[in-house]
Amino acid sequence: MISLSKQLLLKQLKKVLDPELGISVVDLGLIYDVKMGKKGKVEVTMTLTTMGCPLFTLMSEPIKEKLKKLKGVKEVEVVLTFDPPWSPEKMSREAKVKLGFF
């Protein structure tokens, strides 16, 4: 069975954009963890910028679609967590520049 590296999985997730900001979910710091388990199952642990954010489905579905394009990925589970809470410090420098933090 193929096991993909965390780096490769994150590279694929960089193609998933936040529907409101147009910045990748990785650069926004929304992806807390991604790992590939046995039998081709990938688990993504992510958060949202706020607890009441209604965009989870608009991001989780594209996450599943992008990861399933990778050879060896059979199933994708997206787990939503708010622990720890998201904060702007989690964003990449690139995202901060795009949003005018610098």
N, C-alpha and C. Protein backbone atom coordinates (compact mmCIF):
# COMPACT_ATOMS: atom_id res chain seq x y z
N MET A 1 0.85 -1.19 0.00
CA MET A 1 0.00 0.00 0.00
C MET A 1 0.89 1.24 0.00
N ILE A 2 0.52 2.22 -0.78
CA ILE A 2 1.26 3.47 -0.87
C ILE A 2 0.99 4.30 0.39
N SER A 3 2.03 4.90 0.93
CA SER A 3 1.88 5.83 2.05
C SER A 3 2.50 7.15 1.63
N LEU A 4 1.69 8.20 1.59
CA LEU A 4 2.16 9.49 1.13
C LEU A 4 2.67 10.32 2.31
N SER A 5 3.69 11.11 2.06
CA SER A 5 4.26 11.94 3.11
C SER A 5 3.33 13.10 3.47
N LYS A 6 3.51 13.60 4.68
CA LYS A 6 2.75 14.76 5.14
C LYS A 6 3.01 15.95 4.21
N GLN A 7 4.26 16.08 3.77
CA GLN A 7 4.66 17.18 2.88
C GLN A 7 3.86 17.13 1.57
N LEU A 8 3.74 15.95 0.99
CA LEU A 8 2.99 15.81 -0.26
C LEU A 8 1.51 16.09 -0.05
N LEU A 9 0.96 15.62 1.06
CA LEU A 9 -0.45 15.86 1.36
C LEU A 9 -0.70 17.36 1.55
N LEU A 10 0.19 18.04 2.25
CA LEU A 10 0.04 19.49 2.46
C LEU A 10 0.18 20.25 1.14
N LYS A 11 1.07 19.79 0.29
CA LYS A 11 1.24 20.43 -1.03
C LYS A 11 -0.08 20.38 -1.81
N GLN A 12 -0.75 19.24 -1.75
CA GLN A 12 -2.03 19.09 -2.44
C GLN A 12 -3.10 19.99 -1.79
N LEU A 13 -3.05 20.09 -0.46
CA LEU A 13 -4.03 20.91 0.25
C LEU A 13 -3.83 22.41 -0.01
N LYS A 14 -2.64 22.80 -0.42
CA LYS A 14 -2.40 24.22 -0.75
C LYS A 14 -3.26 24.65 -1.94
N LYS A 15 -3.78 23.69 -2.69
CA LYS A 15 -4.64 24.00 -3.84
C LYS A 15 -6.08 24.30 -3.44
N VAL A 16 -6.41 24.06 -2.16
CA VAL A 16 -7.77 24.31 -1.67
C VAL A 16 -7.81 25.73 -1.11
N LEU A 17 -8.67 26.55 -1.68
CA LEU A 17 -8.75 27.95 -1.27
C LEU A 17 -9.93 28.20 -0.36
N ASP A 18 -9.72 29.10 0.60
CA ASP A 18 -10.82 29.57 1.43
C ASP A 18 -11.80 30.29 0.50
N PRO A 19 -13.10 29.95 0.56
CA PRO A 19 -14.05 30.52 -0.40
C PRO A 19 -14.24 32.04 -0.27
N GLU A 20 -13.97 32.60 0.89
CA GLU A 20 -14.15 34.04 1.07
C GLU A 20 -12.87 34.83 0.76
N LEU A 21 -11.73 34.28 1.14
CA LEU A 21 -10.47 35.03 1.04
C LEU A 21 -9.63 34.68 -0.18
N GLY A 22 -9.87 33.52 -0.78
CA GLY A 22 -9.08 33.12 -1.94
C GLY A 22 -7.64 32.78 -1.62
N ILE A 23 -7.39 32.41 -0.36
CA ILE A 23 -6.06 32.02 0.10
C ILE A 23 -6.14 30.57 0.54
N SER A 24 -5.07 29.82 0.33
CA SER A 24 -5.11 28.39 0.63
C SER A 24 -5.37 28.13 2.11
N VAL A 25 -6.06 27.03 2.37
CA VAL A 25 -6.36 26.65 3.76
C VAL A 25 -5.08 26.36 4.54
N VAL A 26 -4.03 25.95 3.84
CA VAL A 26 -2.74 25.70 4.49
C VAL A 26 -2.12 27.03 4.91
N ASP A 27 -2.07 28.00 3.98
CA ASP A 27 -1.47 29.30 4.30
C ASP A 27 -2.25 30.06 5.36
N LEU A 28 -3.54 29.83 5.43
CA LEU A 28 -4.34 30.48 6.47
C LEU A 28 -4.12 29.84 7.85
N GLY A 29 -3.45 28.69 7.87
CA GLY A 29 -3.21 28.03 9.15
C GLY A 29 -4.40 27.24 9.64
N LEU A 30 -5.29 26.87 8.73
CA LEU A 30 -6.49 26.13 9.11
C LEU A 30 -6.24 24.63 9.22
N ILE A 31 -5.18 24.14 8.62
CA ILE A 31 -4.86 22.71 8.67
C ILE A 31 -3.92 22.46 9.84
N TYR A 32 -4.39 21.73 10.82
CA TYR A 32 -3.58 21.43 12.00
C TYR A 32 -2.75 20.16 11.82
N ASP A 33 -3.31 19.19 11.10
CA ASP A 33 -2.58 17.95 10.88
C ASP A 33 -3.17 17.22 9.68
N VAL A 34 -2.33 16.45 9.02
CA VAL A 34 -2.79 15.58 7.93
C VAL A 34 -1.89 14.36 7.94
N LYS A 35 -2.52 13.20 7.90
CA LYS A 35 -1.73 11.97 7.91
C LYS A 35 -2.46 10.89 7.15
N MET A 36 -1.65 10.02 6.58
CA MET A 36 -2.20 8.91 5.82
C MET A 36 -2.03 7.65 6.64
N GLY A 37 -3.13 6.97 6.85
CA GLY A 37 -3.10 5.73 7.60
C GLY A 37 -3.10 4.52 6.67
N LYS A 38 -3.41 3.41 7.25
CA LYS A 38 -3.45 2.16 6.49
C LYS A 38 -4.63 2.16 5.54
N LYS A 39 -4.50 1.39 4.52
CA LYS A 39 -5.55 1.17 3.53
C LYS A 39 -5.97 2.44 2.79
N GLY A 40 -5.05 3.42 2.69
CA GLY A 40 -5.33 4.60 1.89
C GLY A 40 -6.23 5.64 2.51
N LYS A 41 -6.41 5.61 3.81
CA LYS A 41 -7.26 6.60 4.47
C LYS A 41 -6.42 7.78 4.95
N VAL A 42 -6.84 8.97 4.55
CA VAL A 42 -6.17 10.20 4.98
C VAL A 42 -7.08 10.90 5.98
N GLU A 43 -6.49 11.35 7.08
CA GLU A 43 -7.24 12.12 8.08
C GLU A 43 -6.67 13.52 8.14
N VAL A 44 -7.55 14.49 7.96
CA VAL A 44 -7.18 15.90 8.02
C VAL A 44 -7.85 16.49 9.25
N THR A 45 -7.04 17.10 10.10
CA THR A 45 -7.58 17.82 11.26
C THR A 45 -7.45 19.30 10.95
N MET A 46 -8.58 19.99 10.98
CA MET A 46 -8.58 21.40 10.62
C MET A 46 -9.46 22.21 11.56
N THR A 47 -9.34 23.50 11.43
CA THR A 47 -10.16 24.42 12.20
C THR A 47 -10.74 25.46 11.27
N LEU A 48 -11.51 26.35 11.81
CA LEU A 48 -12.05 27.49 11.07
C LEU A 48 -11.64 28.75 11.82
N THR A 49 -11.73 29.89 11.17
CA THR A 49 -11.29 31.12 11.82
C THR A 49 -12.17 31.49 13.01
N THR A 50 -13.44 31.11 12.96
CA THR A 50 -14.34 31.35 14.10
C THR A 50 -15.24 30.14 14.27
N MET A 51 -15.71 29.96 15.50
CA MET A 51 -16.56 28.81 15.80
C MET A 51 -17.86 28.81 15.00
N GLY A 52 -18.42 29.97 14.74
CA GLY A 52 -19.69 30.06 14.03
C GLY A 52 -19.57 30.10 12.52
N CYS A 53 -18.37 29.95 12.00
CA CYS A 53 -18.14 30.03 10.56
C CYS A 53 -18.93 28.93 9.83
N PRO A 54 -19.78 29.31 8.86
CA PRO A 54 -20.61 28.34 8.17
C PRO A 54 -19.94 27.67 6.96
N LEU A 55 -18.64 27.87 6.79
CA LEU A 55 -17.98 27.43 5.56
C LEU A 55 -17.34 26.06 5.61
N PHE A 56 -17.54 25.30 6.67
CA PHE A 56 -16.86 24.02 6.81
C PHE A 56 -17.10 23.11 5.60
N THR A 57 -18.33 22.94 5.18
CA THR A 57 -18.64 22.07 4.04
C THR A 57 -18.02 22.61 2.76
N LEU A 58 -17.98 23.93 2.61
CA LEU A 58 -17.41 24.53 1.40
C LEU A 58 -15.89 24.33 1.34
N MET A 59 -15.29 23.96 2.47
CA MET A 59 -13.85 23.67 2.47
C MET A 59 -13.58 22.18 2.57
N SER A 60 -14.39 21.46 3.35
CA SER A 60 -14.11 20.03 3.55
C SER A 60 -14.33 19.23 2.27
N GLU A 61 -15.30 19.58 1.48
CA GLU A 61 -15.54 18.84 0.24
C GLU A 61 -14.39 19.00 -0.76
N PRO A 62 -13.91 20.24 -1.01
CA PRO A 62 -12.75 20.38 -1.90
C PRO A 62 -11.50 19.71 -1.33
N ILE A 63 -11.35 19.69 -0.02
CA ILE A 63 -10.22 18.99 0.60
C ILE A 63 -10.27 17.51 0.23
N LYS A 64 -11.44 16.92 0.37
CA LYS A 64 -11.61 15.51 0.04
C LYS A 64 -11.33 15.27 -1.45
N GLU A 65 -11.88 16.12 -2.30
CA GLU A 65 -11.70 15.97 -3.75
C GLU A 65 -10.23 16.04 -4.14
N LYS A 66 -9.51 17.04 -3.63
CA LYS A 66 -8.09 17.22 -3.98
C LYS A 66 -7.25 16.04 -3.51
N LEU A 67 -7.48 15.60 -2.29
CA LEU A 67 -6.66 14.51 -1.76
C LEU A 67 -6.95 13.19 -2.46
N LYS A 68 -8.20 12.97 -2.85
CA LYS A 68 -8.55 11.73 -3.54
C LYS A 68 -7.93 11.64 -4.93
N LYS A 69 -7.42 12.75 -5.45
CA LYS A 69 -6.73 12.73 -6.75
C LYS A 69 -5.34 12.13 -6.64
N LEU A 70 -4.82 12.03 -5.42
CA LEU A 70 -3.49 11.46 -5.22
C LEU A 70 -3.55 9.94 -5.27
N LYS A 71 -2.61 9.36 -5.96
CA LYS A 71 -2.55 7.90 -6.09
C LYS A 71 -2.39 7.28 -4.70
N GLY A 72 -3.25 6.31 -4.41
CA GLY A 72 -3.18 5.61 -3.14
C GLY A 72 -4.19 6.08 -2.11
N VAL A 73 -4.79 7.26 -2.34
CA VAL A 73 -5.78 7.78 -1.39
C VAL A 73 -7.14 7.19 -1.73
N LYS A 74 -7.68 6.44 -0.80
CA LYS A 74 -8.98 5.78 -1.02
C LYS A 74 -10.12 6.50 -0.29
N GLU A 75 -9.79 7.08 0.86
CA GLU A 75 -10.81 7.69 1.71
C GLU A 75 -10.19 8.90 2.40
N VAL A 76 -11.01 9.94 2.62
CA VAL A 76 -10.54 11.13 3.33
C VAL A 76 -11.57 11.48 4.40
N GLU A 77 -11.08 11.66 5.61
CA GLU A 77 -11.92 12.11 6.71
C GLU A 77 -11.41 13.47 7.16
N VAL A 78 -12.31 14.45 7.24
CA VAL A 78 -11.95 15.78 7.69
C VAL A 78 -12.56 15.99 9.07
N VAL A 79 -11.69 16.18 10.05
CA VAL A 79 -12.11 16.35 11.44
C VAL A 79 -12.00 17.83 11.79
N LEU A 80 -13.07 18.40 12.28
CA LEU A 80 -13.11 19.81 12.67
C LEU A 80 -12.82 19.94 14.16
N THR A 81 -11.90 20.83 14.51
CA THR A 81 -11.58 21.07 15.91
C THR A 81 -11.43 22.57 16.13
N PHE A 82 -11.65 22.98 17.36
CA PHE A 82 -11.41 24.38 17.74
C PHE A 82 -10.42 24.43 18.89
N ASP A 83 -9.67 23.35 19.04
CA ASP A 83 -8.67 23.25 20.10
C ASP A 83 -7.32 22.90 19.50
N PRO A 84 -6.39 23.81 19.41
CA PRO A 84 -6.47 25.18 19.93
C PRO A 84 -7.24 26.09 18.98
N PRO A 85 -7.76 27.18 19.50
CA PRO A 85 -8.48 28.12 18.64
C PRO A 85 -7.55 28.71 17.59
N TRP A 86 -8.10 29.01 16.43
CA TRP A 86 -7.31 29.64 15.37
C TRP A 86 -6.99 31.07 15.76
N SER A 87 -5.84 31.55 15.33
CA SER A 87 -5.48 32.96 15.51
C SER A 87 -4.64 33.38 14.29
N PRO A 88 -4.56 34.66 14.01
CA PRO A 88 -3.82 35.13 12.84
C PRO A 88 -2.34 34.72 12.84
N GLU A 89 -1.78 34.42 13.99
CA GLU A 89 -0.38 33.99 14.07
C GLU A 89 -0.16 32.67 13.33
N LYS A 90 -1.21 31.90 13.12
CA LYS A 90 -1.09 30.60 12.45
C LYS A 90 -0.92 30.75 10.93
N MET A 91 -1.18 31.95 10.41
CA MET A 91 -1.08 32.18 8.97
C MET A 91 0.38 32.23 8.52
N SER A 92 0.61 31.82 7.28
CA SER A 92 1.94 31.94 6.69
C SER A 92 2.21 33.41 6.40
N ARG A 93 3.47 33.72 6.20
CA ARG A 93 3.85 35.09 5.86
C ARG A 93 3.15 35.52 4.57
N GLU A 94 3.07 34.59 3.61
CA GLU A 94 2.41 34.87 2.33
C GLU A 94 0.95 35.30 2.54
N ALA A 95 0.24 34.58 3.39
CA ALA A 95 -1.17 34.93 3.66
C ALA A 95 -1.27 36.28 4.36
N LYS A 96 -0.37 36.53 5.30
CA LYS A 96 -0.39 37.82 6.02
C LYS A 96 -0.14 38.99 5.06
N VAL A 97 0.76 38.79 4.11
CA VAL A 97 1.04 39.83 3.12
C VAL A 97 -0.21 40.08 2.27
N LYS A 98 -0.83 39.01 1.78
CA LYS A 98 -2.03 39.13 0.93
C LYS A 98 -3.16 39.83 1.66
N LEU A 99 -3.24 39.61 2.98
CA LEU A 99 -4.34 40.22 3.76
C LEU A 99 -3.96 41.57 4.34
N GLY A 100 -2.74 42.05 4.02
CA GLY A 100 -2.36 43.38 4.45
C GLY A 100 -1.86 43.49 5.88
N PHE A 101 -1.38 42.39 6.45
CA PHE A 101 -0.85 42.43 7.82
C PHE A 101 0.52 43.10 7.85
N PHE A 102 1.19 43.21 6.69
CA PHE A 102 2.51 43.85 6.62
C PHE A 102 2.44 45.09 5.76
